[in-house]
C-alpha cells in the first residue's frame, strides 16, 4: 500500500482506475474520474471531409479494419487469426478488409502465406494517427490485437473484436463496446458473423456508452486546475 503519492490530485480515466487508486490509499477527495484524454484527441483528428484513395476503393462495402502485430500472437495464433479473416471474406461478398500491416517481417511473412492473392483485402503500409483515426471512423467494425484501439473505436461507434485471449481494458468488455474474440479461427468467425448478420447485435455494441469518456477529459482537468489556481501555485 502507498503511504503517499507523487501528485496531490489524480484524474482517473475510468471508475475502475479510480477503485484501483483508492486501494492504494489515494485520498478520495483528491481523486476525479474524467475519462481518457485519448478520446479527446479524436475530436481534432477525425474529419468529416476526410478522403483517401484507399477508402474510395471501398465505397458501398462493409469495411473491416484489421490490425495484428502483438508478439504473443506471432506464429500459429496469427495464422489462425488470418484464416478467420479469410473465411469472413469468403462468406460475405459485401465485406472488404483493410490491413495496415506492421513492419515486423514475421507478421508480413504470415500475412503473405495466409492471404496470398485473396481478393477484397487490401494490405497497406502503417498509417499515421490522423489517417488511422479517419480509417476507423469509416470502417464498419474493427478486428485488432492492439490496446488503444479498444478505447478509441467505441468513441466512434465502431464495434471491436479483440484478437487476444485477454485484455487490460476490462471496462470495455463490461460496457459491451468490445468482445474478446480470442485467437481461434472458429470463434473469430462466429463473433464477426454475429455482427455482420444481426443489426441488433451490431447496434448493441455500436451504441454502448464508451467507458473511457466523452471527449471532455482535457477540459475537465483544465477547468479544475483553473478553479484551484491559488491553491496549486501557493498564492
Protein backbone atom coordinates (compact mmCIF):
# COMPACT_ATOMS: atom_id res chain seq x y z
CA UNK A 1 0.00 0.00 0.00
CA UNK A 2 1.15 3.51 -0.76
CA UNK A 3 1.52 5.82 2.20
CA UNK A 4 1.74 8.84 -0.06
CA UNK A 5 1.79 9.83 -3.71
CA UNK A 6 3.92 11.91 -6.06
CA UNK A 7 0.92 14.02 -7.07
CA UNK A 8 -1.76 15.59 -4.94
CA UNK A 9 -4.63 15.39 -7.41
CA UNK A 10 -5.40 12.37 -9.56
CA UNK A 11 -7.51 12.29 -12.72
CA UNK A 12 -8.62 8.73 -13.41
CA UNK A 13 -9.85 7.70 -16.87
CA UNK A 14 -12.48 5.25 -15.53
CA UNK A 15 -14.24 4.23 -12.35
CA UNK A 16 -12.18 1.04 -12.36
CA UNK A 17 -8.99 3.12 -12.33
CA UNK A 18 -10.49 5.16 -9.52
CA UNK A 19 -11.13 1.98 -7.50
CA UNK A 20 -7.53 0.86 -8.02
CA UNK A 21 -6.22 4.19 -6.77
CA UNK A 22 -8.47 4.05 -3.72
CA UNK A 23 -6.98 0.65 -2.91
CA UNK A 24 -3.59 2.36 -2.90
CA UNK A 25 -4.79 4.82 -0.23
CA UNK A 26 -5.17 7.81 -2.52
CA UNK A 27 -7.25 10.49 -0.82
CA UNK A 28 -10.77 10.17 -2.33
CA UNK A 29 -11.20 13.94 -2.01
CA UNK A 30 -8.31 14.38 -4.44
CA UNK A 31 -9.49 11.83 -6.99
CA UNK A 32 -11.62 12.65 -10.05
CA UNK A 33 -12.91 10.48 -12.90
CA UNK A 34 -12.61 12.44 -16.14
CA UNK A 35 -12.35 9.91 -18.94
CA UNK A 36 -9.22 9.35 -21.01
CA UNK A 37 -7.68 12.26 -22.88
CA UNK A 38 -7.03 9.92 -25.82
CA UNK A 39 -10.75 10.20 -26.62
CA UNK A 40 -10.41 13.99 -26.72
CA UNK A 41 -7.81 13.61 -29.47
CA UNK A 42 -10.40 12.10 -31.81
CA UNK A 43 -12.26 15.42 -31.87
CA UNK A 44 -9.22 17.01 -33.52
CA UNK A 45 -8.16 14.19 -35.86
CA UNK A 46 -11.40 12.81 -37.29
CA UNK A 47 -12.55 14.97 -40.19
CA UNK A 48 -15.95 14.94 -41.85
CA UNK A 49 -14.44 15.78 -45.23
CA UNK A 50 -11.54 13.33 -45.00
CA UNK A 51 -10.81 11.44 -48.20
CA UNK A 52 -8.22 8.88 -49.22
CA UNK A 53 -7.81 6.70 -52.32
CA UNK A 54 -7.85 3.55 -50.17
CA UNK A 55 -11.28 4.44 -48.85
CA UNK A 56 -12.53 5.46 -52.28
CA UNK A 57 -11.86 1.89 -53.40
CA UNK A 58 -14.14 0.56 -50.69
CA UNK A 59 -17.34 2.53 -51.11
CA UNK A 60 -20.60 0.60 -50.91
CA UNK A 61 -18.97 -2.15 -48.84
CA UNK A 62 -18.82 -3.05 -45.18
CA UNK A 63 -15.21 -2.29 -44.38
CA UNK A 64 -13.36 -4.22 -41.68
CA UNK A 65 -10.23 -2.56 -40.34
CA UNK A 66 -7.67 -5.12 -39.21
CA UNK A 67 -4.59 -4.67 -37.06
CA UNK A 68 -2.44 -7.54 -35.83
CA UNK A 69 1.10 -7.35 -34.53
CA UNK A 70 1.48 -8.47 -30.91
CA UNK A 71 4.48 -10.69 -30.24
CA UNK A 72 2.46 -13.27 -28.32
CA UNK A 73 0.35 -13.74 -31.44
CA UNK A 74 3.25 -14.42 -33.79
CA UNK A 75 3.29 -17.84 -35.43
CA UNK A 76 0.32 -20.19 -35.18
CA UNK A 77 -2.03 -17.78 -33.33
CA UNK A 78 -1.65 -15.20 -36.09
CA UNK A 79 -2.24 -17.85 -38.75
CA UNK A 80 -5.50 -18.78 -37.03
CA UNK A 81 -6.50 -15.11 -36.91
CA UNK A 82 -5.72 -14.52 -40.58
CA UNK A 83 -7.56 -17.69 -41.60
CA UNK A 84 -10.61 -16.34 -39.78
CA UNK A 85 -10.40 -13.07 -41.71
CA UNK A 86 -10.11 -15.02 -44.96
CA UNK A 87 -13.17 -17.08 -44.02
CA UNK A 88 -15.18 -13.94 -43.34
CA UNK A 89 -14.24 -12.54 -46.75
CA UNK A 90 -15.25 -15.79 -48.42
CA UNK A 91 -18.61 -15.87 -46.66
CA UNK A 92 -19.66 -12.22 -47.06
CA UNK A 93 -19.50 -10.76 -50.56
CA UNK A 94 -20.14 -7.19 -49.40
CA UNK A 95 -17.21 -7.15 -46.94
CA UNK A 96 -13.73 -5.82 -47.61
CA UNK A 97 -10.72 -5.63 -45.29
CA UNK A 98 -8.01 -3.01 -44.98
CA UNK A 99 -4.92 -4.13 -43.09
CA UNK A 100 -2.23 -1.54 -42.25
CA UNK A 101 0.46 -4.13 -41.77
CA UNK A 102 3.14 -3.97 -39.09
CA UNK A 103 6.81 -3.61 -40.07
CA UNK A 104 7.74 -6.86 -38.30
CA UNK A 105 8.90 -9.24 -41.07
CA UNK A 106 7.35 -12.21 -39.25
CA UNK A 107 3.95 -10.56 -39.43
CA UNK A 108 4.45 -9.83 -43.13
CA UNK A 109 5.54 -13.38 -43.88
CA UNK A 110 2.45 -14.80 -42.19
CA UNK A 111 0.16 -12.37 -44.00
CA UNK A 112 1.71 -13.30 -47.34
CA UNK A 113 1.35 -17.01 -46.56
CA UNK A 114 -2.29 -16.92 -45.48
CA UNK A 115 -3.75 -14.15 -47.59
CA UNK A 116 -1.71 -14.70 -50.76
CA UNK A 117 -3.83 -13.31 -53.58
CA UNK A 118 -7.03 -13.18 -51.51
CA UNK A 119 -9.49 -10.78 -53.06
CA UNK A 120 -11.08 -7.90 -51.18
CA UNK A 121 -8.25 -7.50 -48.67
CA UNK A 122 -6.02 -4.50 -49.09
CA UNK A 123 -2.71 -4.70 -47.25
CA UNK A 124 -1.16 -1.27 -46.86
CA UNK A 125 1.76 0.30 -45.04
CA UNK A 126 1.29 1.57 -41.45
CA UNK A 127 -0.76 4.74 -41.10
CA UNK A 128 -0.08 7.86 -39.08
CA UNK A 129 -2.53 8.69 -36.32
CA UNK A 130 -4.63 11.15 -38.33
CA UNK A 131 -5.15 8.71 -41.18
CA UNK A 132 -5.74 5.78 -38.86
CA UNK A 133 -8.39 7.60 -36.85
CA UNK A 134 -10.21 8.51 -40.05
CA UNK A 135 -9.99 4.95 -41.34
CA UNK A 136 -11.56 3.83 -38.06
CA UNK A 137 -14.34 6.37 -38.44
CA UNK A 138 -15.18 5.00 -41.88
CA UNK A 139 -14.98 1.31 -41.05
CA UNK A 140 -17.89 -0.96 -40.21
CA UNK A 141 -16.14 -2.93 -37.49
CA UNK A 142 -12.60 -3.48 -36.26
CA UNK A 143 -10.59 -6.63 -35.61
CA UNK A 144 -7.49 -5.90 -33.57
CA UNK A 145 -4.95 -7.18 -31.07
CA UNK A 146 -3.99 -3.61 -30.19
CA UNK A 147 -4.78 -1.89 -26.90
CA UNK A 148 -5.55 1.76 -27.54
CA UNK A 149 -7.97 0.96 -30.35
CA UNK A 150 -10.19 -0.69 -27.75
CA UNK A 151 -10.68 2.75 -26.23
CA UNK A 152 -10.79 4.84 -29.40
CA UNK A 153 -13.04 2.86 -31.74
CA UNK A 154 -16.07 2.72 -29.40
CA UNK A 155 -15.99 6.53 -29.22
CA UNK A 156 -16.64 6.43 -32.97
CA UNK A 157 -19.45 3.88 -32.62
CA UNK A 158 -17.41 1.02 -34.06
CA UNK A 159 -17.67 -2.49 -32.55
CA UNK A 160 -14.32 -4.06 -31.71
CA UNK A 161 -13.41 -7.74 -31.68
CA UNK A 162 -10.20 -8.23 -29.73
CA UNK A 163 -7.87 -10.83 -31.22
CA UNK A 164 -6.41 -11.83 -27.88
CA UNK A 165 -7.34 -14.16 -25.08
CA UNK A 166 -7.47 -11.35 -22.51
CA UNK A 167 -7.37 -7.57 -22.35
CA UNK A 168 -6.10 -4.90 -19.99
CA UNK A 169 -9.26 -2.93 -20.85
CA UNK A 170 -11.85 -4.85 -18.80
CA UNK A 171 -14.06 -1.75 -18.64
CA UNK A 172 -14.68 -2.01 -22.39
CA UNK A 173 -15.72 -5.66 -22.15
CA UNK A 174 -18.06 -4.89 -19.25
CA UNK A 175 -19.58 -1.94 -21.12
CA UNK A 176 -20.15 -4.09 -24.20
CA UNK A 177 -18.14 -1.92 -26.59
CA UNK A 178 -15.63 -4.72 -27.26
CA UNK A 179 -15.71 -8.50 -27.21
CA UNK A 180 -12.81 -10.89 -26.68
CA UNK A 181 -12.71 -12.98 -29.85
CA UNK A 182 -9.53 -14.82 -28.92
CA UNK A 183 -7.13 -16.34 -31.42
CA UNK A 184 -9.06 -19.39 -32.62
CA UNK A 185 -10.43 -19.28 -36.14
CA UNK A 186 -13.94 -20.57 -35.38
CA UNK A 187 -14.59 -18.15 -32.50
CA UNK A 188 -13.46 -15.14 -34.53
CA UNK A 189 -15.61 -16.14 -37.50
CA UNK A 190 -18.57 -16.72 -35.18
CA UNK A 191 -18.39 -13.32 -33.49
CA UNK A 192 -17.72 -11.46 -36.74
CA UNK A 193 -20.67 -13.28 -38.28
CA UNK A 194 -22.97 -12.19 -35.48
CA UNK A 195 -22.12 -8.57 -36.14
CA UNK A 196 -22.42 -8.94 -39.90
CA UNK A 197 -25.71 -10.88 -39.76
CA UNK A 198 -27.58 -9.14 -36.96
CA UNK A 199 -28.24 -5.41 -36.94
CA UNK A 200 -29.45 -5.75 -33.35
CA UNK A 201 -26.16 -7.32 -32.23
CA UNK A 202 -24.25 -4.66 -34.11
CA UNK A 203 -26.23 -1.76 -32.64
CA UNK A 204 -25.88 -3.10 -29.10
CA UNK A 205 -22.10 -2.74 -29.41
CA UNK A 206 -22.00 0.35 -31.58
CA UNK A 207 -24.38 2.30 -29.36
CA UNK A 208 -22.99 1.20 -25.98
CA UNK A 209 -21.57 4.03 -23.87
CA UNK A 210 -17.80 4.26 -24.09
CA UNK A 211 -16.40 3.78 -20.56
CA UNK A 212 -13.34 5.86 -21.46
CA UNK A 213 -15.18 9.13 -21.60
CA UNK A 214 -16.98 11.54 -23.87
CA UNK A 215 -14.05 13.58 -25.18
CA UNK A 216 -14.11 16.25 -22.46
CA UNK A 217 -11.38 14.93 -20.14
CA UNK A 218 -8.88 17.66 -21.04
CA UNK A 219 -11.44 20.39 -20.41
CA UNK A 220 -12.44 18.87 -17.08
CA UNK A 221 -8.82 18.73 -15.95
CA UNK A 222 -8.06 22.25 -17.19
CA UNK A 223 -11.19 23.65 -15.54
CA UNK A 224 -10.23 22.00 -12.26
CA UNK A 225 -6.71 23.44 -12.39
CA UNK A 226 -8.08 26.91 -13.09
CA UNK A 227 -10.57 26.61 -10.22
CA UNK A 228 -7.76 25.65 -7.81
CA UNK A 229 -5.16 28.03 -9.23
CA UNK A 230 -4.48 29.85 -5.98
CA UNK A 231 -4.11 26.63 -4.04
CA UNK A 232 -1.91 24.98 -6.65
CA UNK A 233 0.58 27.84 -7.00
CA UNK A 234 0.54 28.71 -3.34
CA UNK A 235 -0.97 32.20 -3.51
